N, C-alpha and C. Protein backbone atom coordinates (compact mmCIF):
# COMPACT_ATOMS: atom_id res chain seq x y z
N MET A 1 0.86 -1.17 0.00
CA MET A 1 0.00 0.00 0.00
C MET A 1 0.90 1.23 0.00
N ASN A 2 0.64 2.13 -0.92
CA ASN A 2 1.44 3.35 -0.95
C ASN A 2 0.83 4.40 -0.02
N GLU A 3 1.50 5.51 0.12
CA GLU A 3 1.08 6.54 1.07
C GLU A 3 -0.28 7.13 0.70
N GLU A 4 -0.53 7.33 -0.57
CA GLU A 4 -1.80 7.89 -1.00
C GLU A 4 -2.96 6.95 -0.66
N GLU A 5 -2.78 5.66 -0.89
CA GLU A 5 -3.81 4.67 -0.56
C GLU A 5 -4.04 4.62 0.96
N TYR A 6 -2.94 4.72 1.71
CA TYR A 6 -3.04 4.69 3.16
C TYR A 6 -3.89 5.86 3.66
N TRP A 7 -3.59 7.08 3.20
CA TRP A 7 -4.33 8.25 3.67
C TRP A 7 -5.76 8.25 3.18
N SER A 8 -5.99 7.72 2.00
CA SER A 8 -7.36 7.60 1.49
C SER A 8 -8.17 6.65 2.38
N MET A 9 -7.55 5.52 2.75
CA MET A 9 -8.22 4.56 3.62
C MET A 9 -8.48 5.17 5.00
N ARG A 10 -7.51 5.87 5.54
CA ARG A 10 -7.66 6.50 6.86
C ARG A 10 -8.78 7.53 6.84
N LEU A 11 -8.82 8.33 5.77
CA LEU A 11 -9.85 9.37 5.68
C LEU A 11 -11.24 8.75 5.62
N SER A 12 -11.42 7.72 4.82
CA SER A 12 -12.74 7.09 4.73
C SER A 12 -13.11 6.43 6.06
N ASN A 13 -12.14 5.82 6.73
CA ASN A 13 -12.39 5.20 8.02
C ASN A 13 -12.75 6.26 9.07
N ASP A 14 -11.99 7.35 9.11
CA ASP A 14 -12.28 8.43 10.05
C ASP A 14 -13.63 9.06 9.78
N THR A 15 -13.99 9.21 8.50
CA THR A 15 -15.29 9.78 8.14
C THR A 15 -16.41 8.88 8.62
N PHE A 16 -16.24 7.56 8.43
CA PHE A 16 -17.27 6.62 8.90
C PHE A 16 -17.46 6.74 10.40
N HIS A 17 -16.36 6.71 11.14
CA HIS A 17 -16.46 6.79 12.60
C HIS A 17 -16.96 8.14 13.05
N GLY A 18 -16.57 9.20 12.36
CA GLY A 18 -17.07 10.53 12.69
C GLY A 18 -18.57 10.63 12.50
N ASN A 19 -19.07 10.10 11.39
CA ASN A 19 -20.51 10.12 11.14
C ASN A 19 -21.24 9.24 12.15
N ASN A 20 -20.65 8.11 12.50
CA ASN A 20 -21.26 7.22 13.49
C ASN A 20 -21.35 7.93 14.85
N ASN A 21 -20.29 8.62 15.24
CA ASN A 21 -20.30 9.36 16.51
C ASN A 21 -21.33 10.47 16.49
N LYS A 22 -21.48 11.14 15.35
CA LYS A 22 -22.49 12.20 15.24
C LYS A 22 -23.88 11.60 15.42
N ARG A 23 -24.11 10.43 14.87
CA ARG A 23 -25.41 9.78 15.00
C ARG A 23 -25.69 9.40 16.45
N ILE A 24 -24.68 8.91 17.14
CA ILE A 24 -24.84 8.56 18.55
C ILE A 24 -25.18 9.80 19.37
N ILE A 25 -24.49 10.90 19.11
CA ILE A 25 -24.75 12.15 19.83
C ILE A 25 -26.14 12.66 19.51
N LEU A 26 -26.53 12.63 18.25
CA LEU A 26 -27.86 13.08 17.86
C LEU A 26 -28.94 12.23 18.52
N ASP A 27 -28.77 10.91 18.51
CA ASP A 27 -29.74 10.03 19.17
C ASP A 27 -29.88 10.37 20.64
N TYR A 28 -28.78 10.70 21.30
CA TYR A 28 -28.82 11.08 22.70
C TYR A 28 -29.59 12.39 22.88
N LEU A 29 -29.29 13.36 22.03
CA LEU A 29 -29.90 14.69 22.18
C LEU A 29 -31.41 14.68 21.95
N ILE A 30 -31.91 13.73 21.16
CA ILE A 30 -33.35 13.69 20.90
C ILE A 30 -34.07 12.64 21.74
N ALA A 31 -33.38 12.04 22.69
CA ALA A 31 -34.02 11.06 23.58
C ALA A 31 -35.06 11.76 24.44
N PRO A 32 -36.21 11.14 24.66
CA PRO A 32 -37.24 11.75 25.50
C PRO A 32 -36.74 12.16 26.88
N SER A 33 -35.85 11.36 27.46
CA SER A 33 -35.33 11.69 28.80
C SER A 33 -34.48 12.96 28.79
N VAL A 34 -33.91 13.30 27.65
CA VAL A 34 -33.13 14.54 27.54
C VAL A 34 -34.05 15.71 27.24
N ILE A 35 -34.99 15.52 26.33
CA ILE A 35 -35.89 16.61 25.92
C ILE A 35 -36.84 17.00 27.05
N TYR A 36 -37.48 16.03 27.70
CA TYR A 36 -38.53 16.33 28.67
C TYR A 36 -38.04 16.41 30.12
N LYS A 37 -36.82 16.01 30.37
CA LYS A 37 -36.19 16.13 31.69
C LYS A 37 -37.11 15.66 32.83
N PRO A 38 -37.40 14.35 32.87
CA PRO A 38 -38.25 13.85 33.95
C PRO A 38 -37.56 13.98 35.31
N LYS A 39 -38.38 14.01 36.35
CA LYS A 39 -37.83 13.99 37.71
C LYS A 39 -37.16 12.64 37.92
N ILE A 40 -36.10 12.64 38.69
CA ILE A 40 -35.43 11.36 39.00
C ILE A 40 -35.21 11.28 40.50
N TYR A 41 -35.58 10.15 41.06
CA TYR A 41 -35.45 9.96 42.50
C TYR A 41 -35.39 8.47 42.81
N ILE A 42 -35.02 8.15 44.02
CA ILE A 42 -34.98 6.76 44.47
C ILE A 42 -36.37 6.39 44.98
N ASP A 43 -36.87 5.24 44.53
CA ASP A 43 -38.17 4.73 44.94
C ASP A 43 -37.96 3.29 45.39
N GLY A 44 -37.92 3.07 46.69
CA GLY A 44 -37.62 1.74 47.21
C GLY A 44 -36.17 1.39 46.94
N ASN A 45 -35.94 0.31 46.19
CA ASN A 45 -34.56 -0.10 45.92
C ASN A 45 -34.15 0.17 44.46
N GLU A 46 -34.90 1.05 43.78
CA GLU A 46 -34.58 1.40 42.40
C GLU A 46 -34.70 2.90 42.19
N TRP A 47 -34.08 3.34 41.11
CA TRP A 47 -34.23 4.72 40.68
C TRP A 47 -35.50 4.81 39.86
N CYS A 48 -36.18 5.93 39.95
CA CYS A 48 -37.39 6.18 39.19
C CYS A 48 -37.24 7.49 38.44
N THR A 49 -37.65 7.50 37.18
CA THR A 49 -37.77 8.74 36.42
C THR A 49 -39.25 8.92 36.13
N LEU A 50 -39.75 10.13 36.36
CA LEU A 50 -41.18 10.38 36.23
C LEU A 50 -41.41 11.70 35.52
N TYR A 51 -42.23 11.64 34.48
CA TYR A 51 -42.71 12.84 33.79
C TYR A 51 -44.21 12.86 34.00
N GLY A 52 -44.68 13.81 34.78
CA GLY A 52 -46.10 13.90 35.10
C GLY A 52 -46.28 14.01 36.60
N GLU A 53 -47.55 14.05 36.99
CA GLU A 53 -47.87 14.25 38.41
C GLU A 53 -47.70 12.99 39.25
N ASN A 54 -47.96 11.83 38.65
CA ASN A 54 -47.88 10.58 39.42
C ASN A 54 -47.64 9.41 38.47
N LEU A 55 -47.41 8.21 39.04
CA LEU A 55 -47.11 7.03 38.23
C LEU A 55 -48.29 6.60 37.36
N GLN A 56 -49.51 6.84 37.81
CA GLN A 56 -50.68 6.40 37.06
C GLN A 56 -50.93 7.27 35.82
N ASP A 57 -50.69 8.56 35.92
CA ASP A 57 -51.01 9.49 34.83
C ASP A 57 -49.79 9.92 34.02
N GLY A 58 -48.60 9.62 34.50
CA GLY A 58 -47.39 10.08 33.82
C GLY A 58 -46.67 8.95 33.11
N VAL A 59 -45.48 9.26 32.67
CA VAL A 59 -44.59 8.28 32.06
C VAL A 59 -43.44 8.07 33.02
N CYS A 60 -43.07 6.81 33.25
CA CYS A 60 -42.01 6.54 34.21
C CYS A 60 -41.10 5.42 33.73
N GLY A 61 -39.94 5.38 34.32
CA GLY A 61 -38.99 4.31 34.07
C GLY A 61 -38.28 3.97 35.36
N PHE A 62 -37.94 2.71 35.53
CA PHE A 62 -37.25 2.26 36.74
C PHE A 62 -35.97 1.54 36.36
N GLY A 63 -34.99 1.59 37.26
CA GLY A 63 -33.75 0.87 37.03
C GLY A 63 -32.86 0.90 38.25
N LYS A 64 -31.87 0.02 38.27
CA LYS A 64 -30.93 -0.06 39.40
C LYS A 64 -29.94 1.10 39.41
N SER A 65 -29.88 1.87 38.32
CA SER A 65 -29.02 3.05 38.26
C SER A 65 -29.82 4.16 37.56
N PRO A 66 -29.40 5.41 37.73
CA PRO A 66 -30.09 6.49 37.01
C PRO A 66 -30.09 6.27 35.49
N GLU A 67 -28.98 5.77 34.96
CA GLU A 67 -28.90 5.52 33.52
C GLU A 67 -29.93 4.48 33.08
N LEU A 68 -30.04 3.39 33.83
CA LEU A 68 -31.01 2.36 33.48
C LEU A 68 -32.44 2.88 33.60
N ALA A 69 -32.70 3.71 34.60
CA ALA A 69 -34.03 4.29 34.75
C ALA A 69 -34.35 5.22 33.58
N MET A 70 -33.37 6.00 33.14
CA MET A 70 -33.57 6.89 31.99
C MET A 70 -33.80 6.08 30.72
N ASN A 71 -33.02 5.01 30.53
CA ASN A 71 -33.20 4.16 29.35
C ASN A 71 -34.60 3.53 29.36
N ASN A 72 -35.04 3.09 30.53
CA ASN A 72 -36.37 2.50 30.66
C ASN A 72 -37.45 3.54 30.39
N PHE A 73 -37.22 4.78 30.83
CA PHE A 73 -38.15 5.88 30.56
C PHE A 73 -38.27 6.11 29.06
N ASP A 74 -37.13 6.14 28.35
CA ASP A 74 -37.15 6.35 26.91
C ASP A 74 -37.96 5.27 26.20
N LYS A 75 -37.84 4.03 26.66
CA LYS A 75 -38.62 2.94 26.08
C LYS A 75 -40.10 3.11 26.39
N ALA A 76 -40.42 3.48 27.63
CA ALA A 76 -41.81 3.66 28.04
C ALA A 76 -42.47 4.80 27.27
N TRP A 77 -41.68 5.79 26.88
CA TRP A 77 -42.22 6.97 26.20
C TRP A 77 -42.88 6.59 24.88
N ILE A 78 -42.38 5.56 24.20
CA ILE A 78 -42.91 5.22 22.88
C ILE A 78 -43.95 4.10 22.90
N ILE A 79 -44.23 3.55 24.07
CA ILE A 79 -45.22 2.46 24.16
C ILE A 79 -46.62 3.06 24.06
N LYS A 80 -47.42 2.47 23.20
CA LYS A 80 -48.80 2.94 23.00
C LYS A 80 -49.72 2.36 24.07
N ILE A 81 -50.73 3.13 24.44
CA ILE A 81 -51.75 2.65 25.38
C ILE A 81 -52.62 1.63 24.64
N GLN A 82 -52.93 0.54 25.33
CA GLN A 82 -53.73 -0.50 24.67
C GLN A 82 -55.18 -0.42 25.06
């Protein structure tokens, strides 16, 4: 591989990873837990994230860590009422 081929390969690889990182950042920025900023608190032995007045009328997520509770909240946000 000559130098030109090397730099061409590096540039395409860096572009791929750069675009992938941008997508990860964008996905984070548009997550419901980031946009709506639910309350987060400890409820029993788990963390709870809550958007709304209470668990019955709002959207919530639970988890053993704040991150897991936020991830669970994001999943709950898109679930349709049956």
